[in-house]
Amino acid sequence: MSFNWPDEPMTFEEAQDFAMHIIAERKKRVMPKHYVARLNEIVDGHIGAGVEDERIRSLKRDLTTLEATQHGWAEAARAFADDEIMLRDLLNEYNQCAHAHDRPELRKQLEAFLSDELPPMVFCQEKNGEFTLGVDHRGIDHEEADKDLIKTDTIPSYVLHVNDHGNITLYAVTTEEVWSRV
């Protein structure tokens, strides 16, 4: 599935919604549908439930009993829940500020979260309260220099890898679009 990003700058609220969308898509790729639905129920049931520490303890207790723990998804479920709670709390704190523009640390926190969650060679930048996403050309150059990325106008069907001892291995190239920009 290809990553699609907005062409226009986003407000804080739109960027937070976009971050929640990224988490939702990642959950779908990591866990079966019925576990995702149960995790969403648990997280939604704990949002706004009261004192922060008790809310987190209660959430982690419920996640521990989640059937996913038997399948090795408990750690991923906790990470998703932590991310969602952090993003919702961040938006609540932002909305409670009379002068949200005076709280650059909240904007930078969301910018950092988005930057960590975006696909390779995509960055997020916050400026004057607007969040924009773009192609990380320096990152592309770095990956190309490290030979982790090959720029080409055609995608081959095979790649022949020759190591420093002369051993060769033929790989079939399978393609999965990560993102594209015009």
C-alpha atoms as a PDB file:
ATOM      1  CA  MET A   1       0.000   0.000   0.000  1.00  0.00           C
ATOM      2  CA  SER A   2       1.414   3.335  -1.007  1.00  0.00           C
ATOM      3  CA  PHE A   3       1.733   6.177   1.481  1.00  0.00           C
ATOM      4  CA  ASN A   4      -0.357   9.221   0.579  1.00  0.00           C
ATOM      5  CA  TRP A   5       0.261  12.574   2.156  1.00  0.00           C
ATOM      6  CA  PRO A   6      -1.559  15.877   1.965  1.00  0.00           C
ATOM      7  CA  ASP A   7      -0.406  18.403  -0.608  1.00  0.00           C
ATOM      8  CA  GLU A   8      -1.405  21.396   1.522  1.00  0.00           C
ATOM      9  CA  PRO A   9       0.018  22.448   4.905  1.00  0.00           C
ATOM     10  CA  MET A  10      -1.908  21.077   7.886  1.00  0.00           C
ATOM     11  CA  THR A  11      -3.066  22.790  11.057  1.00  0.00           C
ATOM     12  CA  PHE A  12      -2.169  21.269  14.431  1.00  0.00           C
ATOM     13  CA  GLU A  13      -5.519  19.465  14.569  1.00  0.00           C
ATOM     14  CA  GLU A  14      -5.173  18.151  11.005  1.00  0.00           C
ATOM     15  CA  ALA A  15      -1.619  16.980  11.712  1.00  0.00           C
ATOM     16  CA  GLN A  16      -2.809  15.190  14.852  1.00  0.00           C
ATOM     17  CA  ASP A  17      -5.604  13.500  12.846  1.00  0.00           C
ATOM     18  CA  PHE A  18      -3.045  12.536  10.214  1.00  0.00           C
ATOM     19  CA  ALA A  19      -0.821  11.002  12.924  1.00  0.00           C
ATOM     20  CA  MET A  20      -3.788   8.998  14.241  1.00  0.00           C
ATOM     21  CA  HIS A  21      -4.445   7.790  10.673  1.00  0.00           C
ATOM     22  CA  ILE A  22      -0.824   6.623  10.379  1.00  0.00           C
ATOM     23  CA  ILE A  23      -1.184   4.659  13.632  1.00  0.00           C
ATOM     24  CA  ALA A  24      -4.454   3.107  12.430  1.00  0.00           C
ATOM     25  CA  GLU A  25      -2.845   1.992   9.165  1.00  0.00           C
ATOM     26  CA  ARG A  26       0.150   0.547  11.018  1.00  0.00           C
ATOM     27  CA  LYS A  27      -2.170  -1.375  13.361  1.00  0.00           C
ATOM     28  CA  LYS A  28      -3.922  -2.925  10.356  1.00  0.00           C
ATOM     29  CA  ARG A  29      -0.587  -4.153   8.992  1.00  0.00           C
ATOM     30  CA  VAL A  30       0.642  -5.558  12.311  1.00  0.00           C
ATOM     31  CA  MET A  31      -2.390  -7.190  13.930  1.00  0.00           C
ATOM     32  CA  PRO A  32      -5.462  -9.111  12.777  1.00  0.00           C
ATOM     33  CA  LYS A  33      -8.636  -7.067  12.355  1.00  0.00           C
ATOM     34  CA  HIS A  34     -10.450  -8.395  15.447  1.00  0.00           C
ATOM     35  CA  TYR A  35      -7.472  -7.554  17.693  1.00  0.00           C
ATOM     36  CA  VAL A  36      -7.340  -4.040  16.261  1.00  0.00           C
ATOM     37  CA  ALA A  37     -11.061  -3.594  17.024  1.00  0.00           C
ATOM     38  CA  ARG A  38     -10.584  -4.820  20.616  1.00  0.00           C
ATOM     39  CA  LEU A  39      -7.526  -2.605  21.113  1.00  0.00           C
ATOM     40  CA  ASN A  40      -9.484   0.415  19.852  1.00  0.00           C
ATOM     41  CA  GLU A  41     -12.290  -0.363  22.322  1.00  0.00           C
ATOM     42  CA  ILE A  42      -9.836  -0.589  25.215  1.00  0.00           C
ATOM     43  CA  VAL A  43      -8.024   2.643  24.341  1.00  0.00           C
ATOM     44  CA  ASP A  44     -11.267   4.564  23.726  1.00  0.00           C
ATOM     45  CA  GLY A  45     -12.638   3.330  27.049  1.00  0.00           C
ATOM     46  CA  HIS A  46      -9.684   4.798  28.926  1.00  0.00           C
ATOM     47  CA  ILE A  47      -9.458   8.188  27.249  1.00  0.00           C
ATOM     48  CA  GLY A  48     -10.652  10.818  29.679  1.00  0.00           C
ATOM     49  CA  ALA A  49     -11.126   8.223  32.432  1.00  0.00           C
ATOM     50  CA  GLY A  50      -9.532  10.308  35.129  1.00  0.00           C
ATOM     51  CA  VAL A  51      -6.158  10.594  36.783  1.00  0.00           C
ATOM     52  CA  GLU A  52      -3.285  10.048  34.350  1.00  0.00           C
ATOM     53  CA  ASP A  53      -1.371   7.398  36.334  1.00  0.00           C
ATOM     54  CA  GLU A  54      -4.454   5.360  37.156  1.00  0.00           C
ATOM     55  CA  ARG A  55      -5.672   5.599  33.556  1.00  0.00           C
ATOM     56  CA  ILE A  56      -2.382   4.243  32.252  1.00  0.00           C
ATOM     57  CA  ARG A  57      -2.236   1.454  34.875  1.00  0.00           C
ATOM     58  CA  SER A  58      -5.793   0.443  34.070  1.00  0.00           C
ATOM     59  CA  LEU A  59      -5.106   0.536  30.335  1.00  0.00           C
ATOM     60  CA  LYS A  60      -1.986  -1.620  30.676  1.00  0.00           C
ATOM     61  CA  ARG A  61      -3.928  -4.105  32.850  1.00  0.00           C
ATOM     62  CA  ASP A  62      -6.601  -4.417  30.179  1.00  0.00           C
ATOM     63  CA  LEU A  63      -4.001  -4.760  27.436  1.00  0.00           C
ATOM     64  CA  THR A  64      -2.332  -7.549  29.397  1.00  0.00           C
ATOM     65  CA  THR A  65      -5.573  -9.497  29.358  1.00  0.00           C
ATOM     66  CA  LEU A  66      -6.055  -8.833  25.669  1.00  0.00           C
ATOM     67  CA  GLU A  67      -6.066 -12.108  23.786  1.00  0.00           C
ATOM     68  CA  ALA A  68      -3.257 -10.717  21.623  1.00  0.00           C
ATOM     69  CA  THR A  69      -0.814 -11.350  24.488  1.00  0.00           C
ATOM     70  CA  GLN A  70      -0.911 -15.036  23.612  1.00  0.00           C
ATOM     71  CA  HIS A  71       0.204 -14.210  20.092  1.00  0.00           C
ATOM     72  CA  GLY A  72       3.076 -11.849  20.806  1.00  0.00           C
ATOM     73  CA  TRP A  73       1.145  -8.686  19.951  1.00  0.00           C
ATOM     74  CA  ALA A  74       0.926  -7.305  23.485  1.00  0.00           C
ATOM     75  CA  GLU A  75       4.025  -5.135  23.091  1.00  0.00           C
ATOM     76  CA  ALA A  76       2.769  -3.699  19.807  1.00  0.00           C
ATOM     77  CA  ALA A  77      -0.681  -3.138  21.330  1.00  0.00           C
ATOM     78  CA  ARG A  78       0.839  -1.223  24.250  1.00  0.00           C
ATOM     79  CA  ALA A  79       2.943   0.894  21.884  1.00  0.00           C
ATOM     80  CA  PHE A  80      -0.120   1.761  19.767  1.00  0.00           C
ATOM     81  CA  ALA A  81      -2.109   2.638  22.881  1.00  0.00           C
ATOM     82  CA  ASP A  82       0.700   4.796  24.279  1.00  0.00           C
ATOM     83  CA  ASP A  83       0.996   6.650  20.957  1.00  0.00           C
ATOM     84  CA  GLU A  84      -2.740   7.253  20.702  1.00  0.00           C
ATOM     85  CA  ILE A  85      -3.027   8.494  24.272  1.00  0.00           C
ATOM     86  CA  MET A  86      -0.020  10.786  23.833  1.00  0.00           C
ATOM     87  CA  LEU A  87      -1.510  12.284  20.650  1.00  0.00           C
ATOM     88  CA  ARG A  88      -4.947  12.786  22.196  1.00  0.00           C
ATOM     89  CA  ASP A  89      -3.437  14.325  25.331  1.00  0.00           C
ATOM     90  CA  LEU A  90      -1.271  16.572  23.181  1.00  0.00           C
ATOM     91  CA  LEU A  91      -4.315  17.818  21.268  1.00  0.00           C
ATOM     92  CA  ASN A  92      -6.276  18.339  24.500  1.00  0.00           C
ATOM     93  CA  GLU A  93      -3.410  20.338  25.994  1.00  0.00           C
ATOM     94  CA  TYR A  94      -3.070  22.349  22.781  1.00  0.00           C
ATOM     95  CA  ASN A  95      -6.810  23.107  22.699  1.00  0.00           C
ATOM     96  CA  GLN A  96      -6.841  24.159  26.365  1.00  0.00           C
ATOM     97  CA  CYS A  97      -4.207  26.833  25.776  1.00  0.00           C
ATOM     98  CA  ALA A  98      -5.638  30.311  25.417  1.00  0.00           C
ATOM     99  CA  HIS A  99      -2.653  31.177  23.243  1.00  0.00           C
ATOM    100  CA  ALA A 100      -1.676  27.895  21.618  1.00  0.00           C
ATOM    101  CA  HIS A 101       0.754  29.713  19.351  1.00  0.00           C
ATOM    102  CA  ASP A 102       2.779  30.459  22.517  1.00  0.00           C
ATOM    103  CA  ARG A 103       3.345  26.722  23.035  1.00  0.00           C
ATOM    104  CA  PRO A 104       5.961  25.794  20.422  1.00  0.00           C
ATOM    105  CA  GLU A 105       6.973  22.718  22.454  1.00  0.00           C
ATOM    106  CA  LEU A 106       3.581  21.131  21.708  1.00  0.00           C
ATOM    107  CA  ARG A 107       4.007  21.754  17.984  1.00  0.00           C
ATOM    108  CA  LYS A 108       7.581  20.402  18.078  1.00  0.00           C
ATOM    109  CA  GLN A 109       6.422  17.289  19.937  1.00  0.00           C
ATOM    110  CA  LEU A 110       3.851  16.553  17.224  1.00  0.00           C
ATOM    111  CA  GLU A 111       6.409  17.318  14.505  1.00  0.00           C
ATOM    112  CA  ALA A 112       8.860  14.851  16.086  1.00  0.00           C
ATOM    113  CA  PHE A 113       6.190  12.170  16.397  1.00  0.00           C
ATOM    114  CA  LEU A 114       5.165  12.539  12.759  1.00  0.00           C
ATOM    115  CA  SER A 115       8.788  12.517  11.588  1.00  0.00           C
ATOM    116  CA  ASP A 116       9.361   9.218  13.413  1.00  0.00           C
ATOM    117  CA  GLU A 117       6.237   7.622  11.940  1.00  0.00           C
ATOM    118  CA  LEU A 118       6.614   8.685   8.312  1.00  0.00           C
ATOM    119  CA  PRO A 119       7.978   6.332   5.662  1.00  0.00           C
ATOM    120  CA  PRO A 120      11.657   6.452   4.725  1.00  0.00           C
ATOM    121  CA  MET A 121      12.928   9.655   3.142  1.00  0.00           C
ATOM    122  CA  VAL A 122       9.850  11.715   4.080  1.00  0.00           C
ATOM    123  CA  PHE A 123      10.042  14.495   6.668  1.00  0.00           C
ATOM    124  CA  CYS A 124       7.641  16.675   8.631  1.00  0.00           C
ATOM    125  CA  GLN A 125       8.317  20.338   9.274  1.00  0.00           C
ATOM    126  CA  GLU A 126       6.353  22.713  11.470  1.00  0.00           C
ATOM    127  CA  LYS A 127       6.549  26.414  10.731  1.00  0.00           C
ATOM    128  CA  ASN A 128       4.256  29.116  12.097  1.00  0.00           C
ATOM    129  CA  GLY A 129       1.719  26.524  13.242  1.00  0.00           C
ATOM    130  CA  GLU A 130       1.524  24.747   9.877  1.00  0.00           C
ATOM    131  CA  PHE A 131       2.786  21.218   9.326  1.00  0.00           C
ATOM    132  CA  THR A 132       4.118  20.217   5.916  1.00  0.00           C
ATOM    133  CA  LEU A 133       5.461  16.914   4.661  1.00  0.00           C
ATOM    134  CA  GLY A 134       8.110  16.633   2.006  1.00  0.00           C
ATOM    135  CA  VAL A 135      10.691  14.474   0.312  1.00  0.00           C
ATOM    136  CA  ASP A 136      13.955  14.255   2.264  1.00  0.00           C
ATOM    137  CA  HIS A 137      16.427  14.795  -0.592  1.00  0.00           C
ATOM    138  CA  ARG A 138      19.420  14.783   1.774  1.00  0.00           C
ATOM    139  CA  GLY A 139      18.224  11.466   3.154  1.00  0.00           C
ATOM    140  CA  ILE A 140      17.931  10.095  -0.373  1.00  0.00           C
ATOM    141  CA  ASP A 141      21.481  11.212  -1.170  1.00  0.00           C
ATOM    142  CA  HIS A 142      22.734   9.647   2.079  1.00  0.00           C
ATOM    143  CA  GLU A 143      20.974   6.323   1.384  1.00  0.00           C
ATOM    144  CA  GLU A 144      22.329   6.318  -2.167  1.00  0.00           C
ATOM    145  CA  ALA A 145      25.880   6.982  -0.919  1.00  0.00           C
ATOM    146  CA  ASP A 146      25.483   4.099   1.578  1.00  0.00           C
ATOM    147  CA  LYS A 147      24.227   1.905  -1.292  1.00  0.00           C
ATOM    148  CA  ASP A 148      20.910   1.346   0.492  1.00  0.00           C
ATOM    149  CA  LEU A 149      19.078   3.060  -2.362  1.00  0.00           C
ATOM    150  CA  ILE A 150      19.517   2.823  -6.107  1.00  0.00           C
ATOM    151  CA  LYS A 151      18.183   5.593  -8.329  1.00  0.00           C
ATOM    152  CA  THR A 152      16.990   4.217 -11.642  1.00  0.00           C
ATOM    153  CA  ASP A 153      14.414   4.957 -14.317  1.00  0.00           C
ATOM    154  CA  THR A 154      13.601   1.236 -14.746  1.00  0.00           C
ATOM    155  CA  ILE A 155      13.104  -1.452 -12.133  1.00  0.00           C
ATOM    156  CA  PRO A 156      14.927  -4.666 -13.008  1.00  0.00           C
ATOM    157  CA  SER A 157      13.437  -8.114 -12.550  1.00  0.00           C
ATOM    158  CA  TYR A 158      16.623  -9.433 -10.967  1.00  0.00           C
ATOM    159  CA  VAL A 159      19.620  -8.131  -9.032  1.00  0.00           C
ATOM    160  CA  LEU A 160      22.890 -10.031  -9.014  1.00  0.00           C
ATOM    161  CA  HIS A 161      24.829  -9.430  -5.804  1.00  0.00           C
ATOM    162  CA  VAL A 162      28.572 -10.069  -5.951  1.00  0.00           C
ATOM    163  CA  ASN A 163      30.402  -9.886  -2.616  1.00  0.00           C
ATOM    164  CA  ASP A 164      34.067  -9.067  -2.078  1.00  0.00           C
ATOM    165  CA  HIS A 165      35.026 -12.776  -2.324  1.00  0.00           C
ATOM    166  CA  GLY A 166      33.371 -13.193  -5.710  1.00  0.00           C
ATOM    167  CA  ASN A 167      30.413 -15.149  -4.372  1.00  0.00           C
ATOM    168  CA  ILE A 168      27.233 -14.373  -6.282  1.00  0.00           C
ATOM    169  CA  THR A 169      23.573 -14.469  -5.350  1.00  0.00           C
ATOM    170  CA  LEU A 170      20.676 -13.732  -7.671  1.00  0.00           C
ATOM    171  CA  TYR A 171      17.653 -11.982  -6.157  1.00  0.00           C
ATOM    172  CA  ALA A 172      14.247 -11.596  -7.767  1.00  0.00           C
ATOM    173  CA  VAL A 173      13.030  -8.035  -7.366  1.00  0.00           C
ATOM    174  CA  THR A 174       9.544  -7.647  -6.008  1.00  0.00           C
ATOM    175  CA  THR A 175       8.097  -4.191  -5.935  1.00  0.00           C
ATOM    176  CA  GLU A 176       5.872  -2.596  -3.371  1.00  0.00           C
ATOM    177  CA  GLU A 177       5.297   1.105  -3.768  1.00  0.00           C
ATOM    178  CA  VAL A 178       6.133   2.951  -0.547  1.00  0.00           C
ATOM    179  CA  TRP A 179       5.268   6.481  -1.736  1.00  0.00           C
ATOM    180  CA  SER A 180       5.391   8.622  -4.872  1.00  0.00           C
ATOM    181  CA  ARG A 181       5.448  12.322  -5.666  1.00  0.00           C
ATOM    182  CA  VAL A 182       5.022  14.173  -8.909  1.00  0.00           C
END
